[in-house]
Amino acid sequence: MVYFPPELLGAVVAEVHSQSDLLQLRATNSTLNALATPLAFRSIQFRNTDKSLERFKRLAQYPKTAELIREVVYQYEEAGSSKCDGRFVDRT
């Protein structure tokens, strides 16, 4: 296997902006998991569906992951109306 310094891998991972790609990088190996996890969970989105709400509650059960969240985006949509995004940002 080819060795890349952690600084180089960190710079590459920092350029990945797709959450699904970051989640896939986490599954690659422990080094990429450590680099991609804080970015993958920096901002999360959920909707007013049971499935989405269950995912959000499950995430809250893992304190080490939950503490990485800096932005929560809630998308609410009623039947026949346009979407309403609620953004909650931690500025600390």
C-alpha atoms as a PDB file:
ATOM      1  CA  MET A   1       0.000   0.000   0.000  1.00  0.00           C
ATOM      2  CA  VAL A   2       1.162   3.504  -0.784  1.00  0.00           C
ATOM      3  CA  TYR A   3       1.807   5.735   2.224  1.00  0.00           C
ATOM      4  CA  PHE A   4       0.553   9.305   2.260  1.00  0.00           C
ATOM      5  CA  PRO A   5       1.381  11.655   5.136  1.00  0.00           C
ATOM      6  CA  PRO A   6      -1.623  12.492   7.343  1.00  0.00           C
ATOM      7  CA  GLU A   7      -1.241  16.181   6.464  1.00  0.00           C
ATOM      8  CA  LEU A   8      -1.713  15.402   2.768  1.00  0.00           C
ATOM      9  CA  LEU A   9      -4.685  13.122   3.420  1.00  0.00           C
ATOM     10  CA  GLY A  10      -6.213  15.788   5.664  1.00  0.00           C
ATOM     11  CA  ALA A  11      -5.869  18.380   2.905  1.00  0.00           C
ATOM     12  CA  VAL A  12      -7.542  16.051   0.395  1.00  0.00           C
ATOM     13  CA  VAL A  13     -10.396  15.138   2.761  1.00  0.00           C
ATOM     14  CA  ALA A  14     -10.963  18.834   3.532  1.00  0.00           C
ATOM     15  CA  GLU A  15     -11.803  19.364  -0.152  1.00  0.00           C
ATOM     16  CA  VAL A  16     -14.592  16.765  -0.081  1.00  0.00           C
ATOM     17  CA  HIS A  17     -17.894  18.587   0.368  1.00  0.00           C
ATOM     18  CA  SER A  18     -20.432  15.834  -0.240  1.00  0.00           C
ATOM     19  CA  GLN A  19     -21.701  14.300   2.982  1.00  0.00           C
ATOM     20  CA  SER A  20     -22.280  10.952   1.283  1.00  0.00           C
ATOM     21  CA  ASP A  21     -18.660  10.944   0.042  1.00  0.00           C
ATOM     22  CA  LEU A  22     -17.398  11.826   3.522  1.00  0.00           C
ATOM     23  CA  LEU A  23     -19.447   8.986   5.002  1.00  0.00           C
ATOM     24  CA  GLN A  24     -17.957   6.595   2.444  1.00  0.00           C
ATOM     25  CA  LEU A  25     -14.436   7.796   3.273  1.00  0.00           C
ATOM     26  CA  ARG A  26     -15.121   6.954   6.936  1.00  0.00           C
ATOM     27  CA  ALA A  27     -15.633   3.317   5.941  1.00  0.00           C
ATOM     28  CA  THR A  28     -12.321   3.104   4.067  1.00  0.00           C
ATOM     29  CA  ASN A  29      -9.859   2.817   6.946  1.00  0.00           C
ATOM     30  CA  SER A  30      -9.185   4.192  10.430  1.00  0.00           C
ATOM     31  CA  THR A  31      -7.060   7.118   9.210  1.00  0.00           C
ATOM     32  CA  LEU A  32      -9.690   8.375   6.770  1.00  0.00           C
ATOM     33  CA  ASN A  33     -12.383   7.712   9.361  1.00  0.00           C
ATOM     34  CA  ALA A  34     -10.605  10.020  11.825  1.00  0.00           C
ATOM     35  CA  LEU A  35     -10.170  12.729   9.192  1.00  0.00           C
ATOM     36  CA  ALA A  36     -13.629  12.553   7.597  1.00  0.00           C
ATOM     37  CA  THR A  37     -15.829  12.097  10.678  1.00  0.00           C
ATOM     38  CA  PRO A  38     -15.647  15.709  11.983  1.00  0.00           C
ATOM     39  CA  LEU A  39     -16.462  17.013   8.505  1.00  0.00           C
ATOM     40  CA  ALA A  40     -19.233  14.484   7.849  1.00  0.00           C
ATOM     41  CA  PHE A  41     -21.110  15.487  10.994  1.00  0.00           C
ATOM     42  CA  ARG A  42     -20.419  19.233  11.026  1.00  0.00           C
ATOM     43  CA  SER A  43     -23.818  19.945   9.478  1.00  0.00           C
ATOM     44  CA  ILE A  44     -26.791  17.593   9.557  1.00  0.00           C
ATOM     45  CA  GLN A  45     -30.202  17.806   7.978  1.00  0.00           C
ATOM     46  CA  PHE A  46     -33.468  16.208   8.929  1.00  0.00           C
ATOM     47  CA  ARG A  47     -37.043  16.461   7.759  1.00  0.00           C
ATOM     48  CA  ASN A  48     -40.453  16.075   9.288  1.00  0.00           C
ATOM     49  CA  THR A  49     -40.628  12.348   8.577  1.00  0.00           C
ATOM     50  CA  ASP A  50     -40.532   9.500  11.066  1.00  0.00           C
ATOM     51  CA  LYS A  51     -37.478   7.963   9.378  1.00  0.00           C
ATOM     52  CA  SER A  52     -35.519  11.213   9.438  1.00  0.00           C
ATOM     53  CA  LEU A  53     -36.460  11.916  13.044  1.00  0.00           C
ATOM     54  CA  GLU A  54     -35.362   8.416  14.101  1.00  0.00           C
ATOM     55  CA  ARG A  55     -31.951   8.973  12.447  1.00  0.00           C
ATOM     56  CA  PHE A  56     -31.598  12.274  14.291  1.00  0.00           C
ATOM     57  CA  LYS A  57     -32.463  10.658  17.639  1.00  0.00           C
ATOM     58  CA  ARG A  58     -30.026   7.802  16.974  1.00  0.00           C
ATOM     59  CA  LEU A  59     -27.259  10.284  16.248  1.00  0.00           C
ATOM     60  CA  ALA A  60     -27.952  12.079  19.520  1.00  0.00           C
ATOM     61  CA  GLN A  61     -27.275   8.815  21.372  1.00  0.00           C
ATOM     62  CA  TYR A  62     -23.587   8.979  20.415  1.00  0.00           C
ATOM     63  CA  PRO A  63     -22.094  11.905  22.382  1.00  0.00           C
ATOM     64  CA  LYS A  64     -18.703  11.832  20.622  1.00  0.00           C
ATOM     65  CA  THR A  65     -20.412  12.182  17.262  1.00  0.00           C
ATOM     66  CA  ALA A  66     -23.119  14.569  18.480  1.00  0.00           C
ATOM     67  CA  GLU A  67     -20.509  17.009  19.825  1.00  0.00           C
ATOM     68  CA  LEU A  68     -19.142  17.405  16.274  1.00  0.00           C
ATOM     69  CA  ILE A  69     -22.414  18.919  15.026  1.00  0.00           C
ATOM     70  CA  ARG A  70     -22.189  22.670  14.438  1.00  0.00           C
ATOM     71  CA  GLU A  71     -25.268  23.176  12.263  1.00  0.00           C
ATOM     72  CA  VAL A  72     -28.691  21.541  12.248  1.00  0.00           C
ATOM     73  CA  VAL A  73     -30.955  22.117   9.263  1.00  0.00           C
ATOM     74  CA  TYR A  74     -34.596  21.179   9.721  1.00  0.00           C
ATOM     75  CA  GLN A  75     -36.690  20.990   6.575  1.00  0.00           C
ATOM     76  CA  TYR A  76     -40.411  21.217   7.225  1.00  0.00           C
ATOM     77  CA  GLU A  77     -42.893  20.714   4.461  1.00  0.00           C
ATOM     78  CA  GLU A  78     -46.642  20.538   4.759  1.00  0.00           C
ATOM     79  CA  ALA A  79     -48.725  18.988   2.033  1.00  0.00           C
ATOM     80  CA  GLY A  80     -49.430  21.626  -0.594  1.00  0.00           C
ATOM     81  CA  SER A  81     -46.963  24.232   0.693  1.00  0.00           C
ATOM     82  CA  SER A  82     -43.398  25.193  -0.042  1.00  0.00           C
ATOM     83  CA  LYS A  83     -40.433  24.077   2.057  1.00  0.00           C
ATOM     84  CA  CYS A  84     -39.415  25.982   5.124  1.00  0.00           C
ATOM     85  CA  ASP A  85     -35.794  25.579   6.212  1.00  0.00           C
ATOM     86  CA  GLY A  86     -34.883  26.232   9.793  1.00  0.00           C
ATOM     87  CA  ARG A  87     -31.148  26.618  10.391  1.00  0.00           C
ATOM     88  CA  PHE A  88     -29.695  26.379  13.840  1.00  0.00           C
ATOM     89  CA  VAL A  89     -26.011  27.201  13.938  1.00  0.00           C
ATOM     90  CA  ASP A  90     -23.639  26.844  16.883  1.00  0.00           C
ATOM     91  CA  ARG A  91     -21.326  29.859  16.681  1.00  0.00           C
ATOM     92  CA  THR A  92     -18.983  28.701  19.468  1.00  0.00           C
END
